[in-house]
Amino acid sequence: MNSKCLFAAVSAMLVWNGGSVCADDRVNAPQAPAPASSMSKKASRAENRRLEKSVTHSLSGTRGLDATNIVVVARGGRVTLAGSVPEASQAGLAVSVAKGVAGVIAVNDLLTVRPEGL
């Protein structure tokens, strides 16, 4: 699945969930504070893009992690990781790395294990 199709699938899941990034029971993180009313939509989108790039950069630079098929979506500090990794241990590693990025308050793990070549 190419990254454009994967991004579309993740976006559709977020819309289907009513925009809830953390609909998964595996997420045990504190609730995000309500966004400041002074933050414009444009500023909010820019912050989400900045966080997505930061998490993607951290994942790409992690030894032992093939982040080629991982899509990152951020909304208000909540990050969703979707796509696939070749081994189950890499999914846990990806979540740990994402949680360590400044600005991330919760991580929703939608990663699947898909061995290389499939």
Protein backbone atom coordinates (compact mmCIF):
# COMPACT_ATOMS: atom_id res chain seq x y z
CA MET A 1 0.00 0.00 0.00
CA ASN A 2 1.55 3.28 -0.98
CA SER A 3 1.80 6.15 1.48
CA LYS A 4 -0.95 8.23 -0.19
CA CYS A 5 -3.45 5.37 0.13
CA LEU A 6 -2.32 4.71 3.70
CA PHE A 7 -2.70 8.38 4.61
CA ALA A 8 -6.19 8.40 3.09
CA ALA A 9 -7.10 5.30 5.07
CA VAL A 10 -5.84 6.83 8.33
CA SER A 11 -7.69 10.07 7.61
CA ALA A 12 -10.88 8.13 6.92
CA MET A 13 -10.47 6.27 10.24
CA LEU A 14 -10.09 9.55 12.09
CA VAL A 15 -13.23 10.96 10.47
CA TRP A 16 -15.11 7.73 11.14
CA ASN A 17 -14.07 7.92 14.81
CA GLY A 18 -15.46 11.45 15.00
CA GLY A 19 -11.95 12.91 14.94
CA SER A 20 -10.90 10.95 18.02
CA VAL A 21 -7.27 10.02 17.62
CA CYS A 22 -7.17 7.93 20.79
CA ALA A 23 -10.18 5.67 20.46
CA ASP A 24 -8.00 2.70 21.37
CA ASP A 25 -8.14 1.23 24.90
CA ARG A 26 -4.37 0.69 24.86
CA VAL A 27 -3.73 4.39 25.33
CA ASN A 28 -3.28 5.37 28.96
CA ALA A 29 -2.36 9.00 28.79
CA PRO A 30 -3.68 12.10 30.51
CA GLN A 31 -6.31 14.12 28.73
CA ALA A 32 -5.05 17.06 26.73
CA PRO A 33 -5.95 20.48 28.00
CA ALA A 34 -8.55 22.27 25.94
CA PRO A 35 -6.87 24.25 23.18
CA ALA A 36 -6.55 27.93 23.83
CA SER A 37 -9.32 29.85 22.12
CA SER A 38 -6.70 32.30 20.88
CA MET A 39 -5.03 29.59 18.74
CA SER A 40 -6.27 29.92 15.19
CA LYS A 41 -7.09 26.97 12.96
CA LYS A 42 -4.09 27.86 10.84
CA ALA A 43 -1.77 27.84 13.85
CA SER A 44 -3.26 24.57 15.07
CA ARG A 45 -2.75 22.91 11.68
CA ALA A 46 0.82 24.22 11.56
CA GLU A 47 1.51 22.79 15.02
CA ASN A 48 0.04 19.42 14.00
CA ARG A 49 2.26 19.35 10.89
CA ARG A 50 5.30 20.29 12.95
CA LEU A 51 4.60 17.46 15.40
CA GLU A 52 4.00 14.96 12.57
CA LYS A 53 7.34 15.90 11.00
CA SER A 54 9.13 15.71 14.33
CA VAL A 55 7.76 12.23 15.11
CA THR A 56 8.43 11.02 11.56
CA HIS A 57 12.01 12.31 11.77
CA SER A 58 12.55 10.55 15.11
CA LEU A 59 11.12 7.28 13.77
CA SER A 60 13.25 7.45 10.63
CA GLY A 61 16.41 7.98 12.65
CA THR A 62 15.82 5.08 15.05
CA ARG A 63 18.16 2.11 14.62
CA GLY A 64 16.36 -1.20 14.32
CA LEU A 65 13.14 0.39 13.10
CA ASP A 66 11.93 0.25 9.51
CA ALA A 67 9.67 3.32 9.42
CA THR A 68 9.16 3.18 5.65
CA ASN A 69 5.48 2.18 5.93
CA ILE A 70 4.56 4.18 9.04
CA VAL A 71 2.19 7.13 8.68
CA VAL A 72 2.04 9.71 11.47
CA VAL A 73 -1.07 11.82 12.11
CA ALA A 74 -1.10 14.41 14.91
CA ARG A 75 -4.04 16.29 16.38
CA GLY A 76 -3.54 18.49 19.41
CA GLY A 77 -0.60 16.52 20.78
CA ARG A 78 -2.22 13.15 20.21
CA VAL A 79 -0.35 11.06 17.66
CA THR A 80 -1.64 8.10 15.67
CA LEU A 81 0.84 5.66 14.15
CA ALA A 82 -0.66 3.65 11.30
CA GLY A 83 0.73 1.37 8.64
CA SER A 84 2.92 -1.65 8.98
CA VAL A 85 6.25 -2.81 10.37
CA PRO A 86 8.07 -6.06 9.52
CA GLU A 87 8.29 -7.33 13.13
CA ALA A 88 6.11 -6.96 16.26
CA SER A 89 9.04 -5.64 18.28
CA GLN A 90 9.30 -2.69 15.90
CA ALA A 91 5.71 -1.62 16.65
CA GLY A 92 6.55 -1.29 20.34
CA LEU A 93 9.75 0.54 19.50
CA ALA A 94 7.87 2.99 17.26
CA VAL A 95 5.37 3.76 20.03
CA SER A 96 8.18 4.31 22.55
CA VAL A 97 10.03 6.64 20.21
CA ALA A 98 6.86 8.63 19.43
CA LYS A 99 6.06 9.01 23.14
CA GLY A 100 9.52 10.49 23.66
CA VAL A 101 9.03 13.33 21.18
CA ALA A 102 8.43 16.73 22.76
CA GLY A 103 4.78 17.77 22.45
CA VAL A 104 3.34 14.26 22.26
CA ILE A 105 0.79 13.62 25.01
CA ALA A 106 -0.65 10.31 23.76
CA VAL A 107 0.07 7.71 21.10
CA ASN A 108 -2.54 5.55 19.39
CA ASP A 109 -0.95 2.42 17.93
CA LEU A 110 -2.68 1.26 14.75
CA LEU A 111 0.43 -0.47 13.40
CA THR A 112 0.17 -3.96 11.96
CA VAL A 113 2.90 -6.53 11.49
CA ARG A 114 3.51 -7.35 7.86
CA PRO A 115 6.67 -9.35 7.15
CA GLU A 116 8.80 -8.01 4.31
CA GLY A 117 7.83 -9.28 0.91
CA LEU A 118 4.11 -9.58 1.65
